[in-house]
N, C-alpha and C. Protein backbone atom coordinates (compact mmCIF):
# COMPACT_ATOMS: atom_id res chain seq x y z
N MET A 1 -43.87 18.75 113.65
CA MET A 1 -44.67 17.52 113.77
C MET A 1 -44.01 16.42 112.94
N THR A 2 -43.86 15.24 113.51
CA THR A 2 -43.20 14.14 112.83
C THR A 2 -44.04 13.67 111.65
N LYS A 3 -43.38 13.43 110.52
CA LYS A 3 -44.06 12.93 109.33
C LYS A 3 -43.98 11.41 109.28
N ASN A 4 -45.00 10.80 108.70
CA ASN A 4 -45.08 9.35 108.59
C ASN A 4 -44.83 8.91 107.15
N VAL A 5 -43.95 7.92 106.99
CA VAL A 5 -43.68 7.35 105.67
C VAL A 5 -43.84 5.84 105.75
N LEU A 6 -44.51 5.27 104.77
CA LEU A 6 -44.66 3.83 104.67
C LEU A 6 -43.85 3.33 103.48
N ILE A 7 -43.09 2.26 103.71
CA ILE A 7 -42.25 1.69 102.65
C ILE A 7 -42.50 0.19 102.57
N THR A 8 -42.85 -0.30 101.39
CA THR A 8 -42.98 -1.74 101.22
C THR A 8 -41.62 -2.33 100.83
N GLY A 9 -41.43 -3.59 101.17
CA GLY A 9 -40.14 -4.23 100.91
C GLY A 9 -39.02 -3.57 101.68
N ALA A 10 -39.31 -3.22 102.95
CA ALA A 10 -38.38 -2.40 103.74
C ALA A 10 -37.32 -3.21 104.48
N ASN A 11 -37.36 -4.52 104.37
CA ASN A 11 -36.48 -5.35 105.20
C ASN A 11 -35.07 -5.50 104.65
N ARG A 12 -34.86 -5.15 103.37
CA ARG A 12 -33.52 -5.31 102.80
C ARG A 12 -33.37 -4.42 101.56
N GLY A 13 -32.15 -4.40 101.04
CA GLY A 13 -31.89 -3.72 99.77
C GLY A 13 -32.26 -2.25 99.76
N ILE A 14 -32.87 -1.83 98.66
CA ILE A 14 -33.23 -0.42 98.48
C ILE A 14 -34.26 0.01 99.51
N GLY A 15 -35.21 -0.86 99.82
CA GLY A 15 -36.23 -0.51 100.81
C GLY A 15 -35.63 -0.23 102.17
N LEU A 16 -34.70 -1.07 102.59
CA LEU A 16 -34.02 -0.86 103.87
C LEU A 16 -33.19 0.42 103.83
N ALA A 17 -32.53 0.67 102.71
CA ALA A 17 -31.73 1.90 102.59
C ALA A 17 -32.60 3.13 102.70
N MET A 18 -33.78 3.11 102.08
CA MET A 18 -34.69 4.25 102.20
C MET A 18 -35.23 4.38 103.62
N ALA A 19 -35.55 3.25 104.24
CA ALA A 19 -36.02 3.30 105.63
C ALA A 19 -34.97 3.91 106.54
N THR A 20 -33.72 3.55 106.31
CA THR A 20 -32.61 4.10 107.10
C THR A 20 -32.48 5.60 106.90
N GLU A 21 -32.54 6.02 105.64
CA GLU A 21 -32.39 7.44 105.33
C GLU A 21 -33.54 8.26 105.89
N PHE A 22 -34.76 7.79 105.71
CA PHE A 22 -35.92 8.52 106.25
C PHE A 22 -35.85 8.59 107.77
N SER A 23 -35.42 7.49 108.41
CA SER A 23 -35.28 7.49 109.88
C SER A 23 -34.29 8.55 110.33
N GLN A 24 -33.18 8.63 109.62
CA GLN A 24 -32.14 9.61 109.97
C GLN A 24 -32.62 11.04 109.77
N LEU A 25 -33.60 11.21 108.88
CA LEU A 25 -34.16 12.54 108.64
C LEU A 25 -35.29 12.88 109.61
N GLY A 26 -35.60 11.94 110.52
CA GLY A 26 -36.58 12.23 111.55
C GLY A 26 -38.00 11.76 111.26
N TYR A 27 -38.18 11.02 110.17
CA TYR A 27 -39.51 10.50 109.86
C TYR A 27 -39.86 9.32 110.77
N CYS A 28 -41.14 9.12 110.98
CA CYS A 28 -41.63 7.88 111.58
C CYS A 28 -41.86 6.91 110.43
N VAL A 29 -41.09 5.83 110.41
CA VAL A 29 -41.12 4.90 109.28
C VAL A 29 -41.95 3.67 109.60
N TYR A 30 -42.89 3.36 108.72
CA TYR A 30 -43.64 2.12 108.79
C TYR A 30 -43.02 1.18 107.75
N GLY A 31 -42.27 0.19 108.22
CA GLY A 31 -41.59 -0.74 107.33
C GLY A 31 -42.44 -1.97 107.09
N VAL A 32 -42.92 -2.12 105.86
CA VAL A 32 -43.81 -3.22 105.50
C VAL A 32 -43.00 -4.30 104.80
N CYS A 33 -43.19 -5.55 105.20
CA CYS A 33 -42.41 -6.64 104.61
C CYS A 33 -43.08 -7.98 104.90
N ARG A 34 -42.64 -8.99 104.18
CA ARG A 34 -43.12 -10.35 104.49
C ARG A 34 -42.47 -10.85 105.78
N GLN A 35 -41.18 -10.61 105.90
CA GLN A 35 -40.44 -11.02 107.10
C GLN A 35 -39.42 -9.95 107.42
N SER A 36 -39.38 -9.51 108.66
CA SER A 36 -38.45 -8.45 109.05
C SER A 36 -37.01 -8.97 109.03
N SER A 37 -36.08 -8.06 109.25
CA SER A 37 -34.66 -8.41 109.29
C SER A 37 -34.04 -7.74 110.50
N GLU A 38 -32.88 -8.22 110.90
CA GLU A 38 -32.18 -7.61 112.03
C GLU A 38 -31.89 -6.15 111.76
N ALA A 39 -31.53 -5.84 110.52
CA ALA A 39 -31.19 -4.45 110.16
C ALA A 39 -32.41 -3.55 110.27
N LEU A 40 -33.56 -4.03 109.82
CA LEU A 40 -34.78 -3.22 109.92
C LEU A 40 -35.20 -3.06 111.37
N ASP A 41 -35.16 -4.14 112.13
CA ASP A 41 -35.53 -4.08 113.55
C ASP A 41 -34.63 -3.10 114.31
N ALA A 42 -33.36 -3.05 113.92
CA ALA A 42 -32.39 -2.20 114.61
C ALA A 42 -32.66 -0.72 114.40
N LEU A 43 -33.42 -0.39 113.36
CA LEU A 43 -33.72 1.03 113.09
C LEU A 43 -34.73 1.60 114.09
N GLY A 44 -35.46 0.72 114.74
CA GLY A 44 -36.48 1.20 115.66
C GLY A 44 -37.72 1.71 114.95
N THR A 45 -37.94 1.23 113.72
CA THR A 45 -39.11 1.63 112.95
C THR A 45 -40.33 0.86 113.41
N LYS A 46 -41.48 1.24 112.90
CA LYS A 46 -42.71 0.49 113.16
C LYS A 46 -42.82 -0.58 112.07
N VAL A 47 -42.42 -1.79 112.39
CA VAL A 47 -42.39 -2.87 111.41
C VAL A 47 -43.76 -3.55 111.33
N ILE A 48 -44.26 -3.68 110.10
CA ILE A 48 -45.50 -4.43 109.87
C ILE A 48 -45.11 -5.60 108.97
N SER A 49 -44.97 -6.78 109.59
CA SER A 49 -44.49 -7.95 108.86
C SER A 49 -45.65 -8.86 108.48
N ASN A 50 -45.30 -9.97 107.84
CA ASN A 50 -46.28 -10.94 107.35
C ASN A 50 -47.24 -10.33 106.32
N ILE A 51 -46.71 -9.36 105.56
CA ILE A 51 -47.51 -8.72 104.52
C ILE A 51 -46.94 -9.10 103.15
N ASP A 52 -47.65 -9.95 102.44
CA ASP A 52 -47.33 -10.24 101.05
C ASP A 52 -48.16 -9.27 100.21
N VAL A 53 -47.49 -8.34 99.55
CA VAL A 53 -48.21 -7.27 98.87
C VAL A 53 -49.10 -7.78 97.74
N ALA A 54 -48.85 -9.00 97.26
CA ALA A 54 -49.67 -9.57 96.19
C ALA A 54 -50.88 -10.34 96.72
N ASP A 55 -51.04 -10.36 98.04
CA ASP A 55 -52.14 -11.07 98.68
C ASP A 55 -53.18 -10.04 99.12
N SER A 56 -54.36 -10.10 98.54
CA SER A 56 -55.38 -9.08 98.81
C SER A 56 -55.78 -9.08 100.28
N GLU A 57 -55.82 -10.24 100.92
CA GLU A 57 -56.18 -10.29 102.34
C GLU A 57 -55.10 -9.61 103.19
N ALA A 58 -53.83 -9.79 102.80
CA ALA A 58 -52.74 -9.13 103.53
C ALA A 58 -52.81 -7.62 103.37
N VAL A 59 -53.16 -7.16 102.18
CA VAL A 59 -53.29 -5.72 101.95
C VAL A 59 -54.44 -5.16 102.78
N GLU A 60 -55.53 -5.89 102.87
CA GLU A 60 -56.65 -5.47 103.72
C GLU A 60 -56.22 -5.40 105.18
N ARG A 61 -55.43 -6.38 105.60
CA ARG A 61 -54.93 -6.39 106.98
C ARG A 61 -54.02 -5.19 107.24
N LEU A 62 -53.19 -4.87 106.26
CA LEU A 62 -52.32 -3.70 106.38
C LEU A 62 -53.13 -2.43 106.55
N ALA A 63 -54.16 -2.27 105.73
CA ALA A 63 -55.02 -1.09 105.83
C ALA A 63 -55.70 -1.02 107.19
N SER A 64 -56.10 -2.18 107.71
CA SER A 64 -56.75 -2.21 109.02
C SER A 64 -55.78 -1.80 110.13
N GLU A 65 -54.53 -2.28 110.04
CA GLU A 65 -53.53 -1.93 111.05
C GLU A 65 -53.20 -0.45 111.02
N LEU A 66 -53.36 0.17 109.86
CA LEU A 66 -53.03 1.60 109.71
C LEU A 66 -54.26 2.50 109.82
N SER A 67 -55.35 1.94 110.25
CA SER A 67 -56.57 2.74 110.41
C SER A 67 -56.32 3.94 111.32
N GLY A 68 -56.62 5.12 110.82
CA GLY A 68 -56.44 6.33 111.60
C GLY A 68 -55.05 6.93 111.53
N VAL A 69 -54.12 6.27 110.84
CA VAL A 69 -52.76 6.79 110.72
C VAL A 69 -52.66 7.68 109.49
N ALA A 70 -52.27 8.93 109.69
CA ALA A 70 -52.10 9.87 108.57
C ALA A 70 -50.73 9.64 107.93
N LEU A 71 -50.73 9.41 106.64
CA LEU A 71 -49.48 9.14 105.93
C LEU A 71 -49.08 10.34 105.07
N ASP A 72 -47.83 10.74 105.21
CA ASP A 72 -47.27 11.82 104.39
C ASP A 72 -46.66 11.29 103.10
N ILE A 73 -46.12 10.07 103.17
CA ILE A 73 -45.46 9.47 102.01
C ILE A 73 -45.74 7.97 102.00
N VAL A 74 -46.06 7.44 100.83
CA VAL A 74 -46.14 6.00 100.62
C VAL A 74 -45.16 5.64 99.51
N VAL A 75 -44.26 4.71 99.81
CA VAL A 75 -43.26 4.27 98.83
C VAL A 75 -43.53 2.81 98.50
N CYS A 76 -43.93 2.54 97.26
CA CYS A 76 -44.16 1.18 96.81
C CYS A 76 -42.87 0.68 96.17
N ASN A 77 -42.14 -0.09 96.95
CA ASN A 77 -40.80 -0.52 96.56
C ASN A 77 -40.70 -2.02 96.31
N ALA A 78 -41.54 -2.82 96.95
CA ALA A 78 -41.44 -4.28 96.83
C ALA A 78 -41.57 -4.71 95.38
N GLY A 79 -40.69 -5.60 94.95
CA GLY A 79 -40.75 -6.09 93.58
C GLY A 79 -39.94 -7.36 93.42
N ILE A 80 -40.17 -8.06 92.31
CA ILE A 80 -39.42 -9.28 92.03
C ILE A 80 -38.94 -9.25 90.58
N LEU A 81 -37.88 -9.99 90.32
CA LEU A 81 -37.30 -10.11 88.99
C LEU A 81 -37.15 -11.58 88.64
N ARG A 82 -37.74 -11.97 87.52
CA ARG A 82 -37.55 -13.31 86.99
C ARG A 82 -37.00 -13.16 85.57
N ASP A 83 -36.65 -14.26 84.95
CA ASP A 83 -36.03 -14.17 83.62
C ASP A 83 -36.74 -15.08 82.62
N GLU A 84 -37.26 -14.46 81.57
CA GLU A 84 -37.85 -15.23 80.47
C GLU A 84 -37.27 -14.71 79.16
N SER A 85 -37.19 -15.60 78.20
CA SER A 85 -36.71 -15.21 76.87
C SER A 85 -37.53 -15.92 75.81
N LEU A 86 -37.49 -15.41 74.60
CA LEU A 86 -38.23 -16.02 73.52
C LEU A 86 -37.74 -17.46 73.32
N GLY A 87 -38.67 -18.38 73.27
CA GLY A 87 -38.32 -19.79 73.19
C GLY A 87 -38.19 -20.45 74.54
N ASP A 88 -38.19 -19.63 75.59
CA ASP A 88 -38.10 -20.14 76.96
C ASP A 88 -39.01 -19.32 77.86
N LEU A 89 -40.26 -19.13 77.40
CA LEU A 89 -41.22 -18.35 78.17
C LEU A 89 -41.77 -19.17 79.33
N ASN A 90 -42.02 -18.49 80.42
CA ASN A 90 -42.66 -19.11 81.57
C ASN A 90 -43.80 -18.17 81.95
N LEU A 91 -45.00 -18.48 81.50
CA LEU A 91 -46.13 -17.59 81.73
C LEU A 91 -46.46 -17.45 83.21
N ALA A 92 -46.13 -18.47 83.99
CA ALA A 92 -46.39 -18.40 85.43
C ALA A 92 -45.54 -17.31 86.08
N THR A 93 -44.26 -17.23 85.72
CA THR A 93 -43.41 -16.19 86.33
C THR A 93 -43.76 -14.81 85.79
N ILE A 94 -44.22 -14.76 84.54
CA ILE A 94 -44.67 -13.46 83.99
C ILE A 94 -45.88 -12.96 84.78
N ARG A 95 -46.84 -13.87 85.02
CA ARG A 95 -48.02 -13.48 85.80
C ARG A 95 -47.64 -13.09 87.22
N GLN A 96 -46.69 -13.82 87.81
CA GLN A 96 -46.25 -13.50 89.17
C GLN A 96 -45.66 -12.10 89.23
N GLN A 97 -44.88 -11.73 88.23
CA GLN A 97 -44.28 -10.38 88.21
C GLN A 97 -45.35 -9.30 88.03
N PHE A 98 -46.37 -9.58 87.22
CA PHE A 98 -47.47 -8.63 87.11
C PHE A 98 -48.16 -8.44 88.46
N GLU A 99 -48.38 -9.54 89.17
CA GLU A 99 -49.06 -9.47 90.47
C GLU A 99 -48.26 -8.62 91.46
N VAL A 100 -46.96 -8.86 91.54
CA VAL A 100 -46.13 -8.19 92.55
C VAL A 100 -45.71 -6.79 92.09
N ASN A 101 -45.27 -6.67 90.85
CA ASN A 101 -44.66 -5.41 90.39
C ASN A 101 -45.66 -4.36 89.93
N ALA A 102 -46.82 -4.80 89.42
CA ALA A 102 -47.77 -3.85 88.86
C ALA A 102 -49.08 -3.76 89.64
N LEU A 103 -49.71 -4.91 89.90
CA LEU A 103 -51.01 -4.87 90.57
C LEU A 103 -50.88 -4.53 92.06
N ALA A 104 -49.87 -5.08 92.72
CA ALA A 104 -49.73 -4.85 94.16
C ALA A 104 -49.53 -3.38 94.53
N PRO A 105 -48.64 -2.65 93.84
CA PRO A 105 -48.50 -1.23 94.20
C PRO A 105 -49.81 -0.44 94.03
N LEU A 106 -50.55 -0.75 92.97
CA LEU A 106 -51.83 -0.07 92.78
C LEU A 106 -52.80 -0.43 93.90
N ALA A 107 -52.82 -1.70 94.29
CA ALA A 107 -53.71 -2.14 95.37
C ALA A 107 -53.32 -1.48 96.70
N ILE A 108 -52.02 -1.33 96.94
CA ILE A 108 -51.55 -0.69 98.17
C ILE A 108 -52.04 0.75 98.23
N VAL A 109 -51.85 1.49 97.15
CA VAL A 109 -52.27 2.89 97.14
C VAL A 109 -53.79 2.99 97.27
N ASP A 110 -54.50 2.11 96.59
CA ASP A 110 -55.96 2.13 96.69
C ASP A 110 -56.42 1.86 98.12
N ALA A 111 -55.77 0.91 98.78
CA ALA A 111 -56.16 0.56 100.15
C ALA A 111 -55.83 1.66 101.14
N LEU A 112 -54.79 2.45 100.85
CA LEU A 112 -54.31 3.46 101.80
C LEU A 112 -54.60 4.89 101.36
N HIS A 113 -55.35 5.08 100.27
CA HIS A 113 -55.50 6.44 99.76
C HIS A 113 -56.23 7.36 100.74
N THR A 114 -57.09 6.79 101.60
CA THR A 114 -57.76 7.63 102.59
C THR A 114 -56.82 8.02 103.74
N ASN A 115 -55.70 7.30 103.88
CA ASN A 115 -54.69 7.65 104.89
C ASN A 115 -53.82 8.80 104.44
N LEU A 116 -53.75 9.03 103.13
CA LEU A 116 -52.87 10.07 102.59
C LEU A 116 -53.44 11.45 102.89
N ILE A 117 -52.62 12.28 103.50
CA ILE A 117 -53.06 13.64 103.79
C ILE A 117 -53.01 14.47 102.51
N SER A 118 -53.71 15.59 102.51
CA SER A 118 -53.59 16.52 101.40
C SER A 118 -52.15 17.00 101.32
N GLY A 119 -51.57 16.97 100.13
CA GLY A 119 -50.17 17.35 99.98
C GLY A 119 -49.20 16.21 100.19
N ALA A 120 -49.72 14.99 100.36
CA ALA A 120 -48.86 13.82 100.54
C ALA A 120 -48.15 13.47 99.23
N LYS A 121 -47.32 12.43 99.29
CA LYS A 121 -46.57 11.99 98.12
C LYS A 121 -46.63 10.47 98.02
N VAL A 122 -46.68 10.01 96.78
CA VAL A 122 -46.61 8.58 96.49
C VAL A 122 -45.41 8.36 95.58
N ALA A 123 -44.57 7.39 95.93
CA ALA A 123 -43.40 7.08 95.11
C ALA A 123 -43.49 5.63 94.64
N MET A 124 -43.42 5.45 93.34
CA MET A 124 -43.40 4.12 92.75
C MET A 124 -41.96 3.81 92.33
N ILE A 125 -41.38 2.76 92.91
CA ILE A 125 -40.03 2.35 92.52
C ILE A 125 -40.17 1.37 91.36
N THR A 126 -39.85 1.85 90.18
CA THR A 126 -40.04 1.09 88.95
C THR A 126 -38.68 0.73 88.37
N SER A 127 -38.56 0.72 87.06
CA SER A 127 -37.29 0.41 86.41
C SER A 127 -37.30 1.00 85.01
N ARG A 128 -36.13 1.41 84.55
CA ARG A 128 -36.04 1.88 83.16
C ARG A 128 -36.28 0.71 82.19
N MET A 129 -36.25 -0.53 82.72
CA MET A 129 -36.60 -1.68 81.88
C MET A 129 -38.09 -1.67 81.52
N GLY A 130 -38.86 -0.83 82.18
CA GLY A 130 -40.25 -0.64 81.80
C GLY A 130 -40.43 0.39 80.70
N SER A 131 -39.34 1.00 80.29
CA SER A 131 -39.40 1.97 79.20
C SER A 131 -39.41 1.24 77.86
N ILE A 132 -40.36 1.55 77.01
CA ILE A 132 -40.43 0.94 75.68
C ILE A 132 -39.37 1.56 74.78
N ALA A 133 -39.21 2.88 74.85
CA ALA A 133 -38.23 3.56 74.00
C ALA A 133 -36.80 3.18 74.34
N ASP A 134 -36.56 2.80 75.59
CA ASP A 134 -35.21 2.53 76.06
C ASP A 134 -34.81 1.05 75.92
N ASN A 135 -35.72 0.24 75.40
CA ASN A 135 -35.45 -1.20 75.30
C ASN A 135 -34.53 -1.47 74.11
N GLY A 136 -33.27 -1.72 74.42
CA GLY A 136 -32.30 -1.98 73.36
C GLY A 136 -31.80 -3.40 73.31
N SER A 137 -32.30 -4.26 74.22
CA SER A 137 -31.75 -5.61 74.29
C SER A 137 -32.79 -6.72 74.29
N GLY A 138 -34.08 -6.39 74.44
CA GLY A 138 -35.12 -7.41 74.44
C GLY A 138 -35.10 -8.28 75.68
N GLY A 139 -35.80 -9.42 75.62
CA GLY A 139 -35.83 -10.36 76.74
C GLY A 139 -36.50 -9.81 77.98
N ARG A 140 -36.33 -10.55 79.09
CA ARG A 140 -36.91 -10.16 80.38
C ARG A 140 -38.38 -9.75 80.23
N TYR A 141 -39.16 -10.59 79.57
CA TYR A 141 -40.52 -10.22 79.21
C TYR A 141 -41.39 -9.83 80.40
N GLY A 142 -41.40 -10.67 81.41
CA GLY A 142 -42.26 -10.40 82.56
C GLY A 142 -41.87 -9.14 83.31
N TYR A 143 -40.58 -8.94 83.51
CA TYR A 143 -40.14 -7.77 84.26
C TYR A 143 -40.41 -6.49 83.46
N ARG A 144 -40.04 -6.50 82.18
CA ARG A 144 -40.27 -5.31 81.35
C ARG A 144 -41.77 -4.98 81.28
N MET A 145 -42.58 -5.98 81.00
CA MET A 145 -44.01 -5.74 80.86
C MET A 145 -44.65 -5.28 82.16
N SER A 146 -44.26 -5.90 83.28
CA SER A 146 -44.86 -5.52 84.57
C SER A 146 -44.46 -4.11 84.98
N LYS A 147 -43.22 -3.73 84.70
CA LYS A 147 -42.79 -2.38 85.07
C LYS A 147 -43.41 -1.33 84.14
N ALA A 148 -43.62 -1.67 82.87
CA ALA A 148 -44.33 -0.76 81.97
C ALA A 148 -45.77 -0.56 82.46
N ALA A 149 -46.39 -1.65 82.93
CA ALA A 149 -47.74 -1.55 83.48
C ALA A 149 -47.75 -0.70 84.75
N LEU A 150 -46.74 -0.86 85.59
CA LEU A 150 -46.64 -0.04 86.79
C LEU A 150 -46.52 1.44 86.43
N ASN A 151 -45.72 1.74 85.42
CA ASN A 151 -45.58 3.13 84.98
C ASN A 151 -46.92 3.71 84.54
N ALA A 152 -47.70 2.90 83.81
CA ALA A 152 -49.01 3.35 83.35
C ALA A 152 -49.94 3.60 84.55
N ALA A 153 -49.91 2.70 85.52
CA ALA A 153 -50.74 2.88 86.72
C ALA A 153 -50.34 4.14 87.49
N ALA A 154 -49.02 4.36 87.59
CA ALA A 154 -48.54 5.54 88.32
C ALA A 154 -48.97 6.83 87.64
N MET A 155 -48.96 6.84 86.31
CA MET A 155 -49.41 8.02 85.60
C MET A 155 -50.90 8.29 85.85
N SER A 156 -51.71 7.24 85.84
CA SER A 156 -53.13 7.41 86.14
C SER A 156 -53.33 7.91 87.57
N LEU A 157 -52.55 7.38 88.51
CA LEU A 157 -52.65 7.85 89.90
C LEU A 157 -52.30 9.33 90.00
N SER A 158 -51.31 9.76 89.22
CA SER A 158 -50.91 11.18 89.27
C SER A 158 -52.07 12.08 88.86
N LYS A 159 -52.92 11.59 87.96
CA LYS A 159 -54.09 12.36 87.55
C LYS A 159 -55.19 12.29 88.60
N ASP A 160 -55.44 11.09 89.10
CA ASP A 160 -56.55 10.89 90.03
C ASP A 160 -56.31 11.51 91.41
N LEU A 161 -55.04 11.66 91.80
CA LEU A 161 -54.73 12.21 93.12
C LEU A 161 -54.43 13.71 93.07
N ALA A 162 -54.40 14.27 91.88
CA ALA A 162 -54.01 15.68 91.73
C ALA A 162 -54.95 16.63 92.46
N ALA A 163 -56.23 16.29 92.49
CA ALA A 163 -57.21 17.17 93.14
C ALA A 163 -56.94 17.30 94.64
N ARG A 164 -56.25 16.33 95.21
CA ARG A 164 -55.91 16.37 96.63
C ARG A 164 -54.48 16.87 96.86
N ASP A 165 -53.87 17.38 95.79
CA ASP A 165 -52.52 17.92 95.87
C ASP A 165 -51.51 16.84 96.28
N ILE A 166 -51.75 15.61 95.82
CA ILE A 166 -50.86 14.49 96.11
C ILE A 166 -50.03 14.20 94.86
N ALA A 167 -48.73 14.34 94.98
CA ALA A 167 -47.83 14.14 93.85
C ALA A 167 -47.36 12.68 93.79
N VAL A 168 -47.16 12.20 92.57
CA VAL A 168 -46.71 10.82 92.35
C VAL A 168 -45.37 10.85 91.62
N GLY A 169 -44.36 10.25 92.24
CA GLY A 169 -43.05 10.13 91.63
C GLY A 169 -42.85 8.72 91.08
N ILE A 170 -42.24 8.63 89.91
CA ILE A 170 -42.02 7.34 89.24
C ILE A 170 -40.52 7.20 89.06
N TYR A 171 -39.88 6.31 89.81
CA TYR A 171 -38.42 6.34 89.92
C TYR A 171 -37.73 5.01 89.58
N HIS A 172 -36.72 5.13 88.72
CA HIS A 172 -35.78 4.04 88.46
C HIS A 172 -34.61 4.24 89.41
N PRO A 173 -34.30 3.26 90.27
CA PRO A 173 -33.26 3.47 91.28
C PRO A 173 -31.84 3.45 90.74
N GLY A 174 -31.66 2.92 89.51
CA GLY A 174 -30.32 2.71 88.98
C GLY A 174 -30.04 1.22 88.98
N TYR A 175 -28.86 0.85 88.52
CA TYR A 175 -28.44 -0.56 88.54
C TYR A 175 -27.78 -0.78 89.89
N VAL A 176 -28.56 -1.32 90.82
CA VAL A 176 -28.19 -1.32 92.23
C VAL A 176 -27.71 -2.70 92.67
N GLN A 177 -26.70 -2.70 93.51
CA GLN A 177 -26.10 -3.93 94.03
C GLN A 177 -27.01 -4.54 95.11
N THR A 178 -27.96 -5.35 94.67
CA THR A 178 -28.90 -5.98 95.59
C THR A 178 -28.96 -7.48 95.32
N ASP A 179 -29.67 -8.18 96.19
CA ASP A 179 -29.85 -9.63 96.00
C ASP A 179 -30.59 -9.91 94.69
N MET A 180 -31.45 -8.99 94.27
CA MET A 180 -32.24 -9.20 93.05
C MET A 180 -31.35 -9.43 91.84
N VAL A 181 -30.20 -8.74 91.81
CA VAL A 181 -29.27 -8.88 90.67
C VAL A 181 -27.98 -9.56 91.10
N ARG A 182 -28.09 -10.34 92.19
CA ARG A 182 -26.98 -11.16 92.70
C ARG A 182 -25.73 -10.33 93.01
N GLY A 183 -25.96 -9.13 93.53
CA GLY A 183 -24.85 -8.29 93.96
C GLY A 183 -24.19 -7.51 92.86
N ASN A 184 -24.62 -7.71 91.61
CA ASN A 184 -24.08 -6.91 90.52
C ASN A 184 -24.68 -5.50 90.61
N GLY A 185 -24.19 -4.60 89.80
CA GLY A 185 -24.70 -3.23 89.82
C GLY A 185 -23.57 -2.24 89.89
N ASP A 186 -23.90 -0.98 89.63
CA ASP A 186 -22.86 0.04 89.65
C ASP A 186 -23.00 1.05 90.79
N ILE A 187 -24.08 0.95 91.58
CA ILE A 187 -24.18 1.77 92.79
C ILE A 187 -24.70 0.90 93.93
N SER A 188 -24.38 1.30 95.14
CA SER A 188 -24.82 0.54 96.32
C SER A 188 -26.28 0.86 96.63
N ALA A 189 -26.90 -0.03 97.39
CA ALA A 189 -28.28 0.22 97.83
C ALA A 189 -28.34 1.49 98.68
N THR A 190 -27.31 1.73 99.47
CA THR A 190 -27.27 2.94 100.31
C THR A 190 -27.32 4.20 99.45
N GLU A 191 -26.50 4.23 98.40
CA GLU A 191 -26.49 5.42 97.54
C GLU A 191 -27.82 5.56 96.80
N ALA A 192 -28.37 4.46 96.32
CA ALA A 192 -29.65 4.51 95.64
C ALA A 192 -30.74 5.02 96.58
N GLY A 193 -30.74 4.51 97.81
CA GLY A 193 -31.72 4.95 98.79
C GLY A 193 -31.62 6.43 99.10
N GLN A 194 -30.41 6.93 99.23
CA GLN A 194 -30.22 8.36 99.49
C GLN A 194 -30.71 9.21 98.33
N ARG A 195 -30.40 8.77 97.12
CA ARG A 195 -30.85 9.50 95.93
C ARG A 195 -32.38 9.54 95.85
N LEU A 196 -32.99 8.38 96.08
CA LEU A 196 -34.44 8.30 95.98
C LEU A 196 -35.14 9.15 97.03
N VAL A 197 -34.64 9.10 98.24
CA VAL A 197 -35.24 9.90 99.31
C VAL A 197 -35.13 11.39 98.99
N GLN A 198 -34.00 11.79 98.45
CA GLN A 198 -33.83 13.20 98.07
C GLN A 198 -34.85 13.59 97.00
N LEU A 199 -35.04 12.71 96.00
CA LEU A 199 -36.02 13.01 94.96
C LEU A 199 -37.43 13.08 95.53
N ILE A 200 -37.76 12.17 96.43
CA ILE A 200 -39.09 12.16 97.03
C ILE A 200 -39.31 13.43 97.86
N GLU A 201 -38.31 13.81 98.62
CA GLU A 201 -38.44 15.03 99.43
C GLU A 201 -38.63 16.27 98.54
N GLN A 202 -38.00 16.27 97.38
CA GLN A 202 -38.08 17.41 96.48
C GLN A 202 -39.31 17.37 95.57
N LEU A 203 -40.01 16.24 95.55
CA LEU A 203 -41.15 16.07 94.66
C LEU A 203 -42.24 17.10 94.94
N SER A 204 -42.73 17.71 93.87
CA SER A 204 -43.84 18.65 93.99
C SER A 204 -44.85 18.37 92.88
N MET A 205 -45.97 19.05 92.94
CA MET A 205 -47.01 18.84 91.94
C MET A 205 -46.54 19.21 90.54
N SER A 206 -45.53 20.05 90.43
CA SER A 206 -45.02 20.43 89.11
C SER A 206 -44.33 19.26 88.40
N GLU A 207 -43.96 18.22 89.17
CA GLU A 207 -43.29 17.06 88.58
C GLU A 207 -44.04 15.76 88.84
N THR A 208 -45.32 15.86 89.17
CA THR A 208 -46.08 14.64 89.38
C THR A 208 -46.22 13.89 88.06
N GLY A 209 -46.06 12.56 88.13
CA GLY A 209 -46.18 11.75 86.92
C GLY A 209 -44.96 11.74 86.04
N VAL A 210 -43.82 12.26 86.51
CA VAL A 210 -42.60 12.28 85.72
C VAL A 210 -41.77 11.03 86.04
N PHE A 211 -41.26 10.38 85.01
CA PHE A 211 -40.47 9.15 85.12
C PHE A 211 -39.00 9.54 85.18
N LYS A 212 -38.36 9.27 86.34
CA LYS A 212 -36.99 9.73 86.55
C LYS A 212 -36.05 8.62 86.98
N HIS A 213 -34.80 8.76 86.57
CA HIS A 213 -33.68 7.99 87.12
C HIS A 213 -33.36 8.59 88.48
N SER A 214 -32.81 7.79 89.38
CA SER A 214 -32.46 8.32 90.71
C SER A 214 -31.40 9.42 90.63
N ASN A 215 -30.69 9.50 89.52
CA ASN A 215 -29.69 10.58 89.35
C ASN A 215 -30.34 11.88 88.89
N GLY A 216 -31.66 11.88 88.73
CA GLY A 216 -32.40 13.08 88.35
C GLY A 216 -32.74 13.16 86.87
N GLN A 217 -32.18 12.29 86.05
CA GLN A 217 -32.44 12.29 84.62
C GLN A 217 -33.88 11.88 84.34
N VAL A 218 -34.56 12.62 83.45
CA VAL A 218 -35.90 12.24 83.03
C VAL A 218 -35.77 11.13 81.99
N LEU A 219 -36.51 10.05 82.18
CA LEU A 219 -36.42 8.88 81.32
C LEU A 219 -37.57 8.85 80.31
N PRO A 220 -37.32 8.24 79.15
CA PRO A 220 -38.37 8.14 78.13
C PRO A 220 -39.35 7.04 78.46
N TRP A 221 -40.57 7.18 78.01
CA TRP A 221 -41.58 6.14 78.21
C TRP A 221 -41.33 4.98 77.24
C-alpha cells in the first residue's frame, strides 16, 4: 500500500530534494508551498500551493484539503533565515522567524494530527544553531531563538504523540547549499535530502525526540 508523506517548503532546496527522494522511493508526496516550481511540478506530486505556513487561515485550508487523507509522515521543513546582531536588532524579523520557524510547524502538526495514522512519523527540520550548548559565535538572534523554540516544541510533541506510537525526529540538515545561505554550504541539497529521508525512514519510537545531524550524529541541546 502506498504511503503518504507531506512536506512543507517542498518547492525548492531541501524540501524539493526530500520530495524527489520520497517520490523515487514510491511514496505519494503532498508538496506544500506558497508557490510551486517547475521542478516540483515535474515530480508529479500532489502540490498544495498558496499555503503560507505562518497564516492560520492557510493552515486551516490545508487541513480542509487533506480531510480524510491518512498521513504516514509529516515533514515540517519550511523556514526562513534573517540576520540580527547586538546593536543592530530588528525585532520585526525576530518575530517573523518565530512565526515561521517555531509556531508554524507546531500549528501544522496540530492541524493535521488527526490525519496521522498510528505508527506515523513527524520530522522537524531544525538547525544546530538552535543548540544552546553548541553556540560558539553568538549573533543570529532570531534564527537561533526560533530554532531553539522549535526544538522545545518537537520534544513536547514526542511526548504527546507517544501514546499513538508516533515518533518525532528533530533534524539539522547540515550546512546546505541553498538560497537561504546564498549557495554557500558544504553539502548539496540533494545529499542533505537523501540523508534526511534515510533518517526519517529509520526513525523509531526508541529515538523519538532525539536531536540529530543529518549525518547521524546526536547533537547537544
